[in-house]
Amino acid sequence: ISAPAIALQHSANEWEISRTSLKVRNPNNQANEWLNSILLDFEQRKENGEPIANIEHQEQKADAWYLVKAIPTGQA
C-alpha cells in the first residue's frame, strides 16, 4: 500500500492527513511557514541524537488539533 492511498483513505473520515518534508519532490507538498519551522526543529532533534521514531509535535490551534510526526525512512 502506498502512502498517498493511506492518506486518502483516512482523510475521507474526520482526519486530514498530509505529508511533507524539507526536501519535497512535488512543489505542491511544500510546507507552510509554521510547519517548516517544526520540520527544522525535527532536523535539529535528529542531529542531537533523538530517535526519529520518537520525534513529534502536538499543538492545539484555533482551527484544529495538529499532530506532526517524523517518519523514519530507509536509505535512498
N, C-alpha and C. Protein backbone atom coordinates (compact mmCIF):
# COMPACT_ATOMS: atom_id res chain seq x y z
N ILE A 1 0.86 -1.18 0.00
CA ILE A 1 0.00 0.00 0.00
C ILE A 1 0.90 1.23 0.00
N SER A 2 0.54 2.21 -0.80
CA SER A 2 1.35 3.42 -0.87
C SER A 2 0.84 4.48 0.10
N ALA A 3 1.75 5.38 0.48
CA ALA A 3 1.40 6.43 1.43
C ALA A 3 0.26 7.32 0.93
N PRO A 4 0.23 7.73 -0.35
CA PRO A 4 -0.90 8.56 -0.79
C PRO A 4 -2.25 7.85 -0.63
N ALA A 5 -2.28 6.55 -0.88
CA ALA A 5 -3.54 5.81 -0.73
C ALA A 5 -3.97 5.75 0.73
N ILE A 6 -3.02 5.56 1.63
CA ILE A 6 -3.33 5.53 3.06
C ILE A 6 -3.85 6.89 3.51
N ALA A 7 -3.19 7.96 3.09
CA ALA A 7 -3.63 9.31 3.46
C ALA A 7 -5.03 9.58 2.95
N LEU A 8 -5.31 9.20 1.70
CA LEU A 8 -6.63 9.42 1.12
C LEU A 8 -7.70 8.62 1.87
N GLN A 9 -7.39 7.39 2.20
CA GLN A 9 -8.33 6.54 2.93
C GLN A 9 -8.71 7.16 4.26
N HIS A 10 -7.73 7.64 5.02
CA HIS A 10 -8.01 8.18 6.35
C HIS A 10 -8.51 9.62 6.30
N SER A 11 -8.14 10.36 5.29
CA SER A 11 -8.63 11.73 5.17
C SER A 11 -10.12 11.76 4.83
N ALA A 12 -10.63 10.68 4.27
CA ALA A 12 -12.04 10.62 3.94
C ALA A 12 -12.92 10.58 5.19
N ASN A 13 -12.32 10.25 6.33
CA ASN A 13 -13.05 10.24 7.59
C ASN A 13 -13.00 11.64 8.20
N GLU A 14 -12.77 11.76 9.49
CA GLU A 14 -12.71 13.05 10.15
C GLU A 14 -11.31 13.65 10.15
N TRP A 15 -10.33 12.90 9.68
CA TRP A 15 -8.94 13.33 9.74
C TRP A 15 -8.49 13.89 8.40
N GLU A 16 -7.59 14.84 8.45
CA GLU A 16 -6.92 15.29 7.23
C GLU A 16 -5.46 14.91 7.40
N ILE A 17 -4.96 14.09 6.51
CA ILE A 17 -3.59 13.60 6.59
C ILE A 17 -2.82 14.08 5.38
N SER A 18 -1.64 14.58 5.62
CA SER A 18 -0.79 15.02 4.51
C SER A 18 0.66 14.71 4.85
N ARG A 19 1.51 14.78 3.83
CA ARG A 19 2.94 14.53 4.02
C ARG A 19 3.73 15.67 3.42
N THR A 20 4.85 15.98 4.06
CA THR A 20 5.78 16.96 3.50
C THR A 20 7.14 16.70 4.11
N SER A 21 8.12 17.43 3.67
CA SER A 21 9.47 17.32 4.22
C SER A 21 10.21 18.60 3.88
N LEU A 22 11.44 18.68 4.33
CA LEU A 22 12.27 19.83 3.98
C LEU A 22 12.72 19.74 2.52
N LYS A 23 12.73 18.54 1.97
CA LYS A 23 13.14 18.30 0.58
C LYS A 23 11.99 17.61 -0.15
N VAL A 24 11.10 18.38 -0.72
CA VAL A 24 9.94 17.80 -1.40
C VAL A 24 10.25 17.55 -2.87
N ARG A 25 9.67 16.49 -3.41
CA ARG A 25 9.76 16.21 -4.85
C ARG A 25 8.67 16.97 -5.60
N ASN A 26 7.53 17.10 -4.97
CA ASN A 26 6.39 17.77 -5.58
C ASN A 26 6.21 19.14 -4.93
N PRO A 27 6.36 20.22 -5.67
CA PRO A 27 6.22 21.57 -5.08
C PRO A 27 4.87 21.82 -4.42
N ASN A 28 3.85 21.05 -4.80
CA ASN A 28 2.53 21.20 -4.18
C ASN A 28 2.51 20.69 -2.74
N ASN A 29 3.56 19.96 -2.33
CA ASN A 29 3.64 19.44 -0.96
C ASN A 29 4.54 20.30 -0.07
N GLN A 30 4.90 21.48 -0.52
CA GLN A 30 5.77 22.37 0.24
C GLN A 30 5.10 22.75 1.57
N ALA A 31 5.88 22.69 2.65
CA ALA A 31 5.37 23.05 3.97
C ALA A 31 5.15 24.56 4.07
N ASN A 32 4.12 24.95 4.82
CA ASN A 32 3.93 26.38 5.08
C ASN A 32 4.96 26.82 6.14
N GLU A 33 4.99 28.09 6.47
CA GLU A 33 5.99 28.63 7.39
C GLU A 33 5.93 27.96 8.77
N TRP A 34 4.72 27.76 9.30
CA TRP A 34 4.56 27.14 10.61
C TRP A 34 5.12 25.73 10.61
N LEU A 35 4.73 24.94 9.60
CA LEU A 35 5.16 23.55 9.53
C LEU A 35 6.66 23.46 9.21
N ASN A 36 7.16 24.35 8.39
CA ASN A 36 8.59 24.35 8.07
C ASN A 36 9.43 24.55 9.33
N SER A 37 8.98 25.42 10.24
CA SER A 37 9.73 25.64 11.49
C SER A 37 9.74 24.37 12.34
N ILE A 38 8.64 23.62 12.32
CA ILE A 38 8.58 22.35 13.06
C ILE A 38 9.53 21.34 12.43
N LEU A 39 9.56 21.28 11.11
CA LEU A 39 10.46 20.34 10.42
C LEU A 39 11.93 20.68 10.70
N LEU A 40 12.25 21.95 10.75
CA LEU A 40 13.63 22.35 11.09
C LEU A 40 13.97 21.93 12.52
N ASP A 41 13.01 22.05 13.44
CA ASP A 41 13.21 21.59 14.81
C ASP A 41 13.41 20.08 14.83
N PHE A 42 12.63 19.34 14.04
CA PHE A 42 12.80 17.89 13.94
C PHE A 42 14.22 17.54 13.50
N GLU A 43 14.71 18.26 12.50
CA GLU A 43 16.05 18.01 11.98
C GLU A 43 17.09 18.22 13.08
N GLN A 44 16.92 19.27 13.87
CA GLN A 44 17.85 19.55 14.97
C GLN A 44 17.78 18.46 16.03
N ARG A 45 16.58 18.03 16.35
CA ARG A 45 16.41 16.96 17.34
C ARG A 45 17.07 15.67 16.86
N LYS A 46 16.95 15.37 15.57
CA LYS A 46 17.59 14.19 14.99
C LYS A 46 19.11 14.31 15.09
N GLU A 47 19.64 15.49 14.76
CA GLU A 47 21.08 15.73 14.85
C GLU A 47 21.59 15.61 16.29
N ASN A 48 20.72 15.92 17.26
CA ASN A 48 21.09 15.82 18.68
C ASN A 48 20.98 14.39 19.20
N GLY A 49 20.58 13.44 18.33
CA GLY A 49 20.56 12.04 18.71
C GLY A 49 19.22 11.47 19.11
N GLU A 50 18.17 12.27 19.04
CA GLU A 50 16.84 11.74 19.38
C GLU A 50 16.40 10.75 18.30
N PRO A 51 15.91 9.58 18.67
CA PRO A 51 15.45 8.61 17.66
C PRO A 51 14.32 9.20 16.82
N ILE A 52 14.43 9.06 15.52
CA ILE A 52 13.44 9.64 14.60
C ILE A 52 12.03 9.16 14.93
N ALA A 53 11.89 7.90 15.29
CA ALA A 53 10.56 7.36 15.58
C ALA A 53 9.90 8.03 16.78
N ASN A 54 10.67 8.73 17.62
CA ASN A 54 10.12 9.40 18.80
C ASN A 54 9.81 10.88 18.57
N ILE A 55 10.20 11.42 17.43
CA ILE A 55 10.08 12.86 17.20
C ILE A 55 8.66 13.19 16.72
N GLU A 56 7.99 14.05 17.49
CA GLU A 56 6.66 14.52 17.11
C GLU A 56 6.38 15.87 17.73
N HIS A 57 5.35 16.52 17.23
CA HIS A 57 4.91 17.83 17.73
C HIS A 57 3.39 17.81 17.76
N GLN A 58 2.81 18.20 18.90
CA GLN A 58 1.36 18.32 19.03
C GLN A 58 1.04 19.76 19.38
N GLU A 59 0.00 20.27 18.76
CA GLU A 59 -0.38 21.66 19.04
C GLU A 59 -1.86 21.87 18.76
N GLN A 60 -2.54 22.53 19.70
CA GLN A 60 -3.92 22.94 19.50
C GLN A 60 -3.89 24.35 18.97
N LYS A 61 -4.43 24.54 17.78
CA LYS A 61 -4.55 25.87 17.18
C LYS A 61 -6.03 26.20 17.11
N ALA A 62 -6.36 27.42 16.73
CA ALA A 62 -7.75 27.87 16.71
C ALA A 62 -8.63 27.00 15.81
N ASP A 63 -8.07 26.50 14.71
CA ASP A 63 -8.88 25.76 13.74
C ASP A 63 -8.90 24.25 13.95
N ALA A 64 -7.89 23.71 14.64
CA ALA A 64 -7.83 22.25 14.78
C ALA A 64 -6.70 21.86 15.72
N TRP A 65 -6.67 20.56 16.02
CA TRP A 65 -5.56 19.97 16.77
C TRP A 65 -4.62 19.35 15.75
N TYR A 66 -3.33 19.58 15.91
CA TYR A 66 -2.34 19.11 14.95
C TYR A 66 -1.37 18.13 15.60
N LEU A 67 -1.09 17.05 14.89
CA LEU A 67 -0.05 16.10 15.26
C LEU A 67 0.88 16.00 14.07
N VAL A 68 2.13 16.37 14.29
CA VAL A 68 3.15 16.27 13.24
C VAL A 68 4.15 15.23 13.75
N LYS A 69 4.40 14.23 12.96
CA LYS A 69 5.24 13.12 13.38
C LYS A 69 6.28 12.82 12.32
N ALA A 70 7.52 12.64 12.75
CA ALA A 70 8.58 12.24 11.84
C ALA A 70 8.36 10.79 11.42
N ILE A 71 8.69 10.50 10.18
CA ILE A 71 8.55 9.14 9.66
C ILE A 71 9.94 8.62 9.30
N PRO A 72 10.41 7.59 10.00
CA PRO A 72 11.71 7.04 9.66
C PRO A 72 11.69 6.45 8.24
N THR A 73 12.75 6.66 7.51
CA THR A 73 12.86 6.12 6.16
C THR A 73 14.19 5.38 6.02
N GLY A 74 14.26 4.57 4.99
CA GLY A 74 15.49 3.85 4.70
C GLY A 74 16.41 4.70 3.83
N GLN A 75 17.54 4.13 3.47
CA GLN A 75 18.49 4.80 2.59
C GLN A 75 17.89 4.96 1.20
N ALA A 76 18.23 6.04 0.54
CA ALA A 76 17.74 6.26 -0.84
C ALA A 76 18.50 5.37 -1.80
